Amino acid sequence: MSNQVSKSELDITHNQAAKRFETTIDGQTGYISYQERDDTLVYDHTIVPQQLGGQGVGSALVVHALDYARAQDKKVIPQCSFVASYISKHPEYQDLI
């Protein structure tokens, strides 16, 4: 039994007022925040509370954010090292940079 959460189990919402994608599990909220620059999304922070660490929450948030960028036909600037690292390990997202 793995403690990894699948993307389908996560309810990730787009909080447009706060410019972030977020998910809350057991009262703990993890999120990835962004800034918009013309046709580019700058992903600047990925925050996952310690209690949610190691469960794949950060990766699920990054995937959601990258899929959103692709759906909106936007390029991505991964200022956050977590996002940059994820993209470097997943070639299918490198065209977004």
PDB file of N, CA and C in Angstrom:
ATOM      1  N   MET A   1       0.853  -1.188   0.000  1.00  0.00           N
ATOM      2  CA  MET A   1       0.000   0.000   0.000  1.00  0.00           C
ATOM      3  C   MET A   1       0.894   1.245   0.000  1.00  0.00           C
ATOM      4  N   SER A   2       0.766   2.029  -1.029  1.00  0.00           N
ATOM      5  CA  SER A   2       1.586   3.231  -1.165  1.00  0.00           C
ATOM      6  C   SER A   2       0.878   4.432  -0.550  1.00  0.00           C
ATOM      7  N   ASN A   3       1.660   5.381  -0.063  1.00  0.00           N
ATOM      8  CA  ASN A   3       1.032   6.591   0.459  1.00  0.00           C
ATOM      9  C   ASN A   3       1.003   7.687  -0.608  1.00  0.00           C
ATOM     10  N   GLN A   4       1.263   7.310  -1.859  1.00  0.00           N
ATOM     11  CA  GLN A   4       1.185   8.273  -2.957  1.00  0.00           C
ATOM     12  C   GLN A   4      -0.283   8.559  -3.262  1.00  0.00           C
ATOM     13  N   VAL A   5      -0.599   9.808  -3.509  1.00  0.00           N
ATOM     14  CA  VAL A   5      -1.961  10.127  -3.915  1.00  0.00           C
ATOM     15  C   VAL A   5      -1.970  10.225  -5.433  1.00  0.00           C
ATOM     16  N   SER A   6      -3.029   9.745  -6.038  1.00  0.00           N
ATOM     17  CA  SER A   6      -3.116   9.851  -7.492  1.00  0.00           C
ATOM     18  C   SER A   6      -3.755  11.188  -7.836  1.00  0.00           C
ATOM     19  N   LYS A   7      -3.478  11.654  -9.047  1.00  0.00           N
ATOM     20  CA  LYS A   7      -4.015  12.947  -9.452  1.00  0.00           C
ATOM     21  C   LYS A   7      -5.537  12.936  -9.387  1.00  0.00           C
ATOM     22  N   SER A   8      -6.141  11.789  -9.691  1.00  0.00           N
ATOM     23  CA  SER A   8      -7.599  11.721  -9.698  1.00  0.00           C
ATOM     24  C   SER A   8      -8.179  11.849  -8.289  1.00  0.00           C
ATOM     25  N   GLU A   9      -7.403  11.480  -7.282  1.00  0.00           N
ATOM     26  CA  GLU A   9      -7.882  11.594  -5.899  1.00  0.00           C
ATOM     27  C   GLU A   9      -7.795  13.029  -5.403  1.00  0.00           C
ATOM     28  N   LEU A  10      -6.931  13.816  -6.010  1.00  0.00           N
ATOM     29  CA  LEU A  10      -6.734  15.192  -5.563  1.00  0.00           C
ATOM     30  C   LEU A  10      -7.765  16.098  -6.206  1.00  0.00           C
ATOM     31  N   ASP A  11      -8.371  16.936  -5.402  1.00  0.00           N
ATOM     32  CA  ASP A  11      -9.281  17.936  -5.926  1.00  0.00           C
ATOM     33  C   ASP A  11      -8.492  19.234  -6.023  1.00  0.00           C
ATOM     34  N   ILE A  12      -7.949  19.487  -7.193  1.00  0.00           N
ATOM     35  CA  ILE A  12      -7.132  20.687  -7.394  1.00  0.00           C
ATOM     36  C   ILE A  12      -8.012  21.776  -7.994  1.00  0.00           C
ATOM     37  N   THR A  13      -8.040  22.912  -7.332  1.00  0.00           N
ATOM     38  CA  THR A  13      -8.864  24.013  -7.821  1.00  0.00           C
ATOM     39  C   THR A  13      -7.987  25.180  -8.257  1.00  0.00           C
ATOM     40  N   HIS A  14      -8.506  25.965  -9.179  1.00  0.00           N
ATOM     41  CA  HIS A  14      -7.804  27.147  -9.670  1.00  0.00           C
ATOM     42  C   HIS A  14      -8.359  28.347  -8.927  1.00  0.00           C
ATOM     43  N   ASN A  15      -7.583  28.877  -8.017  1.00  0.00           N
ATOM     44  CA  ASN A  15      -7.980  30.071  -7.269  1.00  0.00           C
ATOM     45  C   ASN A  15      -7.463  31.269  -8.065  1.00  0.00           C
ATOM     46  N   GLN A  16      -8.316  31.786  -8.938  1.00  0.00           N
ATOM     47  CA  GLN A  16      -7.854  32.853  -9.842  1.00  0.00           C
ATOM     48  C   GLN A  16      -7.562  34.149  -9.106  1.00  0.00           C
ATOM     49  N   ALA A  17      -8.289  34.416  -8.022  1.00  0.00           N
ATOM     50  CA  ALA A  17      -8.053  35.645  -7.257  1.00  0.00           C
ATOM     51  C   ALA A  17      -6.651  35.631  -6.648  1.00  0.00           C
ATOM     52  N   ALA A  18      -6.227  34.458  -6.165  1.00  0.00           N
ATOM     53  CA  ALA A  18      -4.905  34.338  -5.535  1.00  0.00           C
ATOM     54  C   ALA A  18      -3.833  33.929  -6.543  1.00  0.00           C
ATOM     55  N   LYS A  19      -4.240  33.670  -7.791  1.00  0.00           N
ATOM     56  CA  LYS A  19      -3.321  33.212  -8.844  1.00  0.00           C
ATOM     57  C   LYS A  19      -2.547  31.978  -8.397  1.00  0.00           C
ATOM     58  N   ARG A  20      -3.309  30.943  -8.076  1.00  0.00           N
ATOM     59  CA  ARG A  20      -2.653  29.702  -7.706  1.00  0.00           C
ATOM     60  C   ARG A  20      -3.595  28.520  -7.908  1.00  0.00           C
ATOM     61  N   PHE A  21      -2.993  27.346  -8.059  1.00  0.00           N
ATOM     62  CA  PHE A  21      -3.717  26.087  -8.102  1.00  0.00           C
ATOM     63  C   PHE A  21      -3.510  25.474  -6.734  1.00  0.00           C
ATOM     64  N   GLU A  22      -4.583  25.017  -6.105  1.00  0.00           N
ATOM     65  CA  GLU A  22      -4.446  24.542  -4.732  1.00  0.00           C
ATOM     66  C   GLU A  22      -5.258  23.278  -4.484  1.00  0.00           C
ATOM     67  N   THR A  23      -4.840  22.535  -3.480  1.00  0.00           N
ATOM     68  CA  THR A  23      -5.578  21.360  -3.036  1.00  0.00           C
ATOM     69  C   THR A  23      -5.475  21.281  -1.522  1.00  0.00           C
ATOM     70  N   THR A  24      -6.544  20.858  -0.902  1.00  0.00           N
ATOM     71  CA  THR A  24      -6.551  20.756   0.559  1.00  0.00           C
ATOM     72  C   THR A  24      -6.830  19.309   0.954  1.00  0.00           C
ATOM     73  N   ILE A  25      -5.958  18.759   1.788  1.00  0.00           N
ATOM     74  CA  ILE A  25      -6.098  17.392   2.286  1.00  0.00           C
ATOM     75  C   ILE A  25      -5.982  17.447   3.799  1.00  0.00           C
ATOM     76  N   ASP A  26      -6.974  16.904   4.470  1.00  0.00           N
ATOM     77  CA  ASP A  26      -6.968  16.881   5.946  1.00  0.00           C
ATOM     78  C   ASP A  26      -6.693  18.269   6.536  1.00  0.00           C
ATOM     79  N   GLY A  27      -7.271  19.285   5.940  1.00  0.00           N
ATOM     80  CA  GLY A  27      -7.113  20.642   6.466  1.00  0.00           C
ATOM     81  C   GLY A  27      -5.801  21.322   6.105  1.00  0.00           C
ATOM     82  N   GLN A  28      -4.931  20.625   5.364  1.00  0.00           N
ATOM     83  CA  GLN A  28      -3.642  21.191   4.948  1.00  0.00           C
ATOM     84  C   GLN A  28      -3.727  21.564   3.464  1.00  0.00           C
ATOM     85  N   THR A  29      -3.333  22.780   3.139  1.00  0.00           N
ATOM     86  CA  THR A  29      -3.422  23.223   1.750  1.00  0.00           C
ATOM     87  C   THR A  29      -2.042  23.327   1.111  1.00  0.00           C
ATOM     88  N   GLY A  30      -1.897  22.662  -0.016  1.00  0.00           N
ATOM     89  CA  GLY A  30      -0.692  22.788  -0.838  1.00  0.00           C
ATOM     90  C   GLY A  30      -1.070  23.572  -2.080  1.00  0.00           C
ATOM     91  N   TYR A  31      -0.111  24.307  -2.627  1.00  0.00           N
ATOM     92  CA  TYR A  31      -0.450  25.079  -3.826  1.00  0.00           C
ATOM     93  C   TYR A  31       0.779  25.383  -4.666  1.00  0.00           C
ATOM     94  N   ILE A  32       0.496  25.762  -5.910  1.00  0.00           N
ATOM     95  CA  ILE A  32       1.535  26.278  -6.810  1.00  0.00           C
ATOM     96  C   ILE A  32       1.023  27.634  -7.284  1.00  0.00           C
ATOM     97  N   SER A  33       1.838  28.655  -7.094  1.00  0.00           N
ATOM     98  CA  SER A  33       1.396  30.009  -7.455  1.00  0.00           C
ATOM     99  C   SER A  33       2.064  30.453  -8.754  1.00  0.00           C
ATOM    100  N   TYR A  34       1.430  31.422  -9.407  1.00  0.00           N
ATOM    101  CA  TYR A  34       1.946  31.886 -10.700  1.00  0.00           C
ATOM    102  C   TYR A  34       1.732  33.385 -10.866  1.00  0.00           C
ATOM    103  N   GLN A  35       2.450  33.921 -11.842  1.00  0.00           N
ATOM    104  CA  GLN A  35       2.248  35.296 -12.293  1.00  0.00           C
ATOM    105  C   GLN A  35       2.010  35.214 -13.796  1.00  0.00           C
ATOM    106  N   GLU A  36       1.181  36.089 -14.304  1.00  0.00           N
ATOM    107  CA  GLU A  36       0.938  36.119 -15.748  1.00  0.00           C
ATOM    108  C   GLU A  36       1.752  37.233 -16.372  1.00  0.00           C
ATOM    109  N   ARG A  37       2.450  36.887 -17.460  1.00  0.00           N
ATOM    110  CA  ARG A  37       3.180  37.891 -18.237  1.00  0.00           C
ATOM    111  C   ARG A  37       2.853  37.659 -19.699  1.00  0.00           C
ATOM    112  N   ASP A  38       1.978  38.469 -20.246  1.00  0.00           N
ATOM    113  CA  ASP A  38       1.537  38.311 -21.637  1.00  0.00           C
ATOM    114  C   ASP A  38       1.049  36.879 -21.861  1.00  0.00           C
ATOM    115  N   ASP A  39       1.719  36.136 -22.751  1.00  0.00           N
ATOM    116  CA  ASP A  39       1.281  34.765 -23.042  1.00  0.00           C
ATOM    117  C   ASP A  39       2.128  33.743 -22.280  1.00  0.00           C
ATOM    118  N   THR A  40       2.657  34.158 -21.134  1.00  0.00           N
ATOM    119  CA  THR A  40       3.527  33.279 -20.341  1.00  0.00           C
ATOM    120  C   THR A  40       3.016  33.192 -18.904  1.00  0.00           C
ATOM    121  N   LEU A  41       3.134  32.004 -18.332  1.00  0.00           N
ATOM    122  CA  LEU A  41       2.828  31.806 -16.916  1.00  0.00           C
ATOM    123  C   LEU A  41       4.140  31.558 -16.194  1.00  0.00           C
ATOM    124  N   VAL A  42       4.414  32.372 -15.192  1.00  0.00           N
ATOM    125  CA  VAL A  42       5.620  32.217 -14.382  1.00  0.00           C
ATOM    126  C   VAL A  42       5.222  31.463 -13.120  1.00  0.00           C
ATOM    127  N   TYR A  43       5.662  30.206 -13.012  1.00  0.00           N
ATOM    128  CA  TYR A  43       5.365  29.426 -11.804  1.00  0.00           C
ATOM    129  C   TYR A  43       6.473  29.713 -10.799  1.00  0.00           C
ATOM    130  N   ASP A  44       6.099  30.418  -9.718  1.00  0.00           N
ATOM    131  CA  ASP A  44       7.140  30.926  -8.820  1.00  0.00           C
ATOM    132  C   ASP A  44       7.274  30.186  -7.496  1.00  0.00           C
ATOM    133  N   HIS A  45       6.214  29.540  -7.026  1.00  0.00           N
ATOM    134  CA  HIS A  45       6.331  28.821  -5.750  1.00  0.00           C
ATOM    135  C   HIS A  45       5.471  27.565  -5.764  1.00  0.00           C
ATOM    136  N   THR A  46       6.028  26.489  -5.267  1.00  0.00           N
ATOM    137  CA  THR A  46       5.245  25.286  -5.005  1.00  0.00           C
ATOM    138  C   THR A  46       5.370  25.044  -3.503  1.00  0.00           C
ATOM    139  N   ILE A  47       4.244  25.098  -2.815  1.00  0.00           N
ATOM    140  CA  ILE A  47       4.233  24.955  -1.359  1.00  0.00           C
ATOM    141  C   ILE A  47       3.417  23.723  -0.975  1.00  0.00           C
ATOM    142  N   VAL A  48       4.066  22.774  -0.312  1.00  0.00           N
ATOM    143  CA  VAL A  48       3.366  21.591   0.180  1.00  0.00           C
ATOM    144  C   VAL A  48       3.675  21.479   1.672  1.00  0.00           C
ATOM    145  N   PRO A  49       2.641  21.545   2.532  1.00  0.00           N
ATOM    146  CA  PRO A  49       2.886  21.427   3.968  1.00  0.00           C
ATOM    147  C   PRO A  49       3.604  20.129   4.308  1.00  0.00           C
ATOM    148  N   GLN A  50       4.430  20.177   5.330  1.00  0.00           N
ATOM    149  CA  GLN A  50       5.243  19.023   5.715  1.00  0.00           C
ATOM    150  C   GLN A  50       4.396  17.766   5.913  1.00  0.00           C
ATOM    151  N   GLN A  51       3.193  17.933   6.464  1.00  0.00           N
ATOM    152  CA  GLN A  51       2.331  16.774   6.719  1.00  0.00           C
ATOM    153  C   GLN A  51       1.922  16.068   5.428  1.00  0.00           C
ATOM    154  N   LEU A  52       1.962  16.797   4.307  1.00  0.00           N
ATOM    155  CA  LEU A  52       1.563  16.217   3.022  1.00  0.00           C
ATOM    156  C   LEU A  52       2.774  15.804   2.183  1.00  0.00           C
ATOM    157  N   GLY A  53       3.958  16.017   2.710  1.00  0.00           N
ATOM    158  CA  GLY A  53       5.172  15.718   1.950  1.00  0.00           C
ATOM    159  C   GLY A  53       5.314  14.244   1.617  1.00  0.00           C
ATOM    160  N   GLY A  54       5.953  13.959   0.495  1.00  0.00           N
ATOM    161  CA  GLY A  54       6.245  12.588   0.115  1.00  0.00           C
ATOM    162  C   GLY A  54       5.062  11.800  -0.407  1.00  0.00           C
ATOM    163  N   GLN A  55       3.958  12.480  -0.680  1.00  0.00           N
ATOM    164  CA  GLN A  55       2.771  11.778  -1.174  1.00  0.00           C
ATOM    165  C   GLN A  55       2.469  12.084  -2.635  1.00  0.00           C
ATOM    166  N   GLY A  56       3.339  12.837  -3.268  1.00  0.00           N
ATOM    167  CA  GLY A  56       3.101  13.159  -4.676  1.00  0.00           C
ATOM    168  C   GLY A  56       2.214  14.371  -4.893  1.00  0.00           C
ATOM    169  N   VAL A  57       1.914  15.093  -3.810  1.00  0.00           N
ATOM    170  CA  VAL A  57       1.031  16.256  -3.923  1.00  0.00           C
ATOM    171  C   VAL A  57       1.679  17.344  -4.780  1.00  0.00           C
ATOM    172  N   GLY A  58       2.950  17.629  -4.526  1.00  0.00           N
ATOM    173  CA  GLY A  58       3.651  18.660  -5.301  1.00  0.00           C
ATOM    174  C   GLY A  58       3.679  18.326  -6.777  1.00  0.00           C
ATOM    175  N   SER A  59       4.004  17.071  -7.097  1.00  0.00           N
ATOM    176  CA  SER A  59       4.051  16.659  -8.509  1.00  0.00           C
ATOM    177  C   SER A  59       2.684  16.781  -9.162  1.00  0.00           C
ATOM    178  N   ALA A  60       1.629  16.385  -8.439  1.00  0.00           N
ATOM    179  CA  ALA A  60       0.273  16.479  -8.991  1.00  0.00           C
ATOM    180  C   ALA A  60      -0.089  17.933  -9.271  1.00  0.00           C
ATOM    181  N   LEU A  61       0.319  18.832  -8.372  1.00  0.00           N
ATOM    182  CA  LEU A  61       0.063  20.260  -8.582  1.00  0.00           C
ATOM    183  C   LEU A  61       0.813  20.771  -9.810  1.00  0.00           C
ATOM    184  N   VAL A  62       2.055  20.342  -9.961  1.00  0.00           N
ATOM    185  CA  VAL A  62       2.851  20.780 -11.118  1.00  0.00           C
ATOM    186  C   VAL A  62       2.217  20.277 -12.416  1.00  0.00           C
ATOM    187  N   VAL A  63       1.838  19.006 -12.441  1.00  0.00           N
ATOM    188  CA  VAL A  63       1.203  18.447 -13.644  1.00  0.00           C
ATOM    189  C   VAL A  63      -0.059  19.234 -13.987  1.00  0.00           C
ATOM    190  N   HIS A  64      -0.860  19.519 -12.982  1.00  0.00           N
ATOM    191  CA  HIS A  64      -2.096  20.275 -13.198  1.00  0.00           C
ATOM    192  C   HIS A  64      -1.772  21.652 -13.786  1.00  0.00           C
ATOM    193  N   ALA A  65      -0.777  22.316 -13.209  1.00  0.00           N
ATOM    194  CA  ALA A  65      -0.398  23.656 -13.667  1.00  0.00           C
ATOM    195  C   ALA A  65       0.149  23.629 -15.094  1.00  0.00           C
ATOM    196  N   LEU A  66       0.961  22.616 -15.405  1.00  0.00           N
ATOM    197  CA  LEU A  66       1.532  22.515 -16.756  1.00  0.00           C
ATOM    198  C   LEU A  66       0.452  22.177 -17.777  1.00  0.00           C
ATOM    199  N   ASP A  67      -0.473  21.288 -17.396  1.00  0.00           N
ATOM    200  CA  ASP A  67      -1.572  20.952 -18.300  1.00  0.00           C
ATOM    201  C   ASP A  67      -2.451  22.178 -18.554  1.00  0.00           C
ATOM    202  N   TYR A  68      -2.623  22.987 -17.519  1.00  0.00           N
ATOM    203  CA  TYR A  68      -3.399  24.218 -17.671  1.00  0.00           C
ATOM    204  C   TYR A  68      -2.710  25.159 -18.667  1.00  0.00           C
ATOM    205  N   ALA A  69      -1.394  25.320 -18.508  1.00  0.00           N
ATOM    206  CA  ALA A  69      -0.639  26.193 -19.420  1.00  0.00           C
ATOM    207  C   ALA A  69      -0.798  25.715 -20.861  1.00  0.00           C
ATOM    208  N   ARG A  70      -0.690  24.402 -21.057  1.00  0.00           N
ATOM    209  CA  ARG A  70      -0.822  23.842 -22.409  1.00  0.00           C
ATOM    210  C   ARG A  70      -2.227  24.100 -22.957  1.00  0.00           C
ATOM    211  N   ALA A  71      -3.245  23.883 -22.127  1.00  0.00           N
ATOM    212  CA  ALA A  71      -4.632  24.078 -22.565  1.00  0.00           C
ATOM    213  C   ALA A  71      -4.896  25.546 -22.934  1.00  0.00           C
ATOM    214  N   GLN A  72      -4.216  26.454 -22.252  1.00  0.00           N
ATOM    215  CA  GLN A  72      -4.384  27.890 -22.505  1.00  0.00           C
ATOM    216  C   GLN A  72      -3.420  28.394 -23.577  1.00  0.00           C
ATOM    217  N   ASP A  73      -2.622  27.482 -24.137  1.00  0.00           N
ATOM    218  CA  ASP A  73      -1.635  27.821 -25.164  1.00  0.00           C
ATOM    219  C   ASP A  73      -0.645  28.867 -24.668  1.00  0.00           C
ATOM    220  N   LYS A  74      -0.163  28.662 -23.433  1.00  0.00           N
ATOM    221  CA  LYS A  74       0.792  29.586 -22.830  1.00  0.00           C
ATOM    222  C   LYS A  74       2.136  28.891 -22.627  1.00  0.00           C
ATOM    223  N   LYS A  75       3.180  29.686 -22.629  1.00  0.00           N
ATOM    224  CA  LYS A  75       4.505  29.174 -22.304  1.00  0.00           C
ATOM    225  C   LYS A  75       4.699  29.268 -20.794  1.00  0.00           C
ATOM    226  N   VAL A  76       5.711  28.569 -20.297  1.00  0.00           N
ATOM    227  CA  VAL A  76       5.951  28.493 -18.862  1.00  0.00           C
ATOM    228  C   VAL A  76       7.366  28.954 -18.533  1.00  0.00           C
ATOM    229  N   ILE A  77       7.496  29.749 -17.481  1.00  0.00           N
ATOM    230  CA  ILE A  77       8.806  30.075 -16.927  1.00  0.00           C
ATOM    231  C   ILE A  77       8.844  29.440 -15.539  1.00  0.00           C
ATOM    232  N   PRO A  78       9.644  28.375 -15.370  1.00  0.00           N
ATOM    233  CA  PRO A  78       9.682  27.678 -14.080  1.00  0.00           C
ATOM    234  C   PRO A  78      10.662  28.330 -13.109  1.00  0.00           C
ATOM    235  N   GLN A  79      10.239  29.417 -12.466  1.00  0.00           N
ATOM    236  CA  GLN A  79      11.119  30.081 -11.494  1.00  0.00           C
ATOM    237  C   GLN A  79      11.317  29.211 -10.264  1.00  0.00           C
ATOM    238  N   CYS A  80      10.315  28.423  -9.947  1.00  0.00           N
ATOM    239  CA  CYS A  80      10.384  27.527  -8.801  1.00  0.00           C
ATOM    240  C   CYS A  80      11.252  26.323  -9.165  1.00  0.00           C
ATOM    241  N   SER A  81      12.218  25.992  -8.320  1.00  0.00           N
ATOM    242  CA  SER A  81      13.142  24.896  -8.629  1.00  0.00           C
ATOM    243  C   SER A  81      12.404  23.558  -8.720  1.00  0.00           C
ATOM    244  N   PHE A  82      11.329  23.401  -7.969  1.00  0.00           N
ATOM    245  CA  PHE A  82      10.566  22.154  -8.011  1.00  0.00           C
ATOM    246  C   PHE A  82       9.942  21.967  -9.394  1.00  0.00           C
ATOM    247  N   VAL A  83       9.375  23.046  -9.942  1.00  0.00           N
ATOM    248  CA  VAL A  83       8.766  22.978 -11.275  1.00  0.00           C
ATOM    249  C   VAL A  83       9.846  22.727 -12.322  1.00  0.00           C
ATOM    250  N   ALA A  84      10.962  23.435 -12.212  1.00  0.00           N
ATOM    251  CA  ALA A  84      12.058  23.274 -13.171  1.00  0.00           C
ATOM    252  C   ALA A  84      12.574  21.838 -13.155  1.00  0.00           C
ATOM    253  N   SER A  85      12.726  21.275 -11.979  1.00  0.00           N
ATOM    254  CA  SER A  85      13.200  19.903 -11.837  1.00  0.00           C
ATOM    255  C   SER A  85      12.206  18.924 -12.444  1.00  0.00           C
ATOM    256  N   TYR A  86      10.922  19.155 -12.215  1.00  0.00           N
ATOM    257  CA  TYR A  86       9.896  18.258 -12.756  1.00  0.00           C
ATOM    258  C   TYR A  86       9.953  18.276 -14.282  1.00  0.00           C
ATOM    259  N   ILE A  87      10.031  19.467 -14.862  1.00  0.00           N
ATOM    260  CA  ILE A  87      10.063  19.581 -16.325  1.00  0.00           C
ATOM    261  C   ILE A  87      11.312  18.902 -16.882  1.00  0.00           C
ATOM    262  N   SER A  88      12.441  19.044 -16.195  1.00  0.00           N
ATOM    263  CA  SER A  88      13.678  18.449 -16.701  1.00  0.00           C
ATOM    264  C   SER A  88      13.591  16.924 -16.716  1.00  0.00           C
ATOM    265  N   LYS A  89      12.766  16.351 -15.837  1.00  0.00           N
ATOM    266  CA  LYS A  89      12.618  14.891 -15.774  1.00  0.00           C
ATOM    267  C   LYS A  89      11.485  14.375 -16.652  1.00  0.00           C
ATOM    268  N   HIS A  90      10.683  15.269 -17.217  1.00  0.00           N
ATOM    269  CA  HIS A  90       9.523  14.869 -18.020  1.00  0.00           C
ATOM    270  C   HIS A  90       9.560  15.588 -19.363  1.00  0.00           C
ATOM    271  N   PRO A  91      10.232  14.971 -20.344  1.00  0.00           N
ATOM    272  CA  PRO A  91      10.432  15.617 -21.647  1.00  0.00           C
ATOM    273  C   PRO A  91       9.140  16.047 -22.329  1.00  0.00           C
ATOM    274  N   GLU A  92       8.026  15.401 -21.980  1.00  0.00           N
ATOM    275  CA  GLU A  92       6.773  15.748 -22.653  1.00  0.00           C
ATOM    276  C   GLU A  92       6.300  17.170 -22.322  1.00  0.00           C
ATOM    277  N   TYR A  93       6.922  17.780 -21.289  1.00  0.00           N
ATOM    278  CA  TYR A  93       6.536  19.146 -20.933  1.00  0.00           C
ATOM    279  C   TYR A  93       7.578  20.181 -21.343  1.00  0.00           C
ATOM    280  N   GLN A  94       8.701  19.737 -21.915  1.00  0.00           N
ATOM    281  CA  GLN A  94       9.784  20.693 -22.206  1.00  0.00           C
ATOM    282  C   GLN A  94       9.443  21.684 -23.302  1.00  0.00           C
ATOM    283  N   ASP A  95       8.445  21.363 -24.126  1.00  0.00           N
ATOM    284  CA  ASP A  95       8.041  22.310 -25.176  1.00  0.00           C
ATOM    285  C   ASP A  95       7.323  23.525 -24.591  1.00  0.00           C
ATOM    286  N   LEU A  96       6.955  23.461 -23.334  1.00  0.00           N
ATOM    287  CA  LEU A  96       6.252  24.589 -22.716  1.00  0.00           C
ATOM    288  C   LEU A  96       7.198  25.709 -22.295  1.00  0.00           C
ATOM    289  N   ILE A  97       8.483  25.394 -22.195  1.00  0.00           N
ATOM    290  CA  ILE A  97       9.439  26.401 -21.718  1.00  0.00           C
ATOM    291  C   ILE A  97       9.782  27.379 -22.837  1.00  0.00           C
TER     292      ILE A  97
END
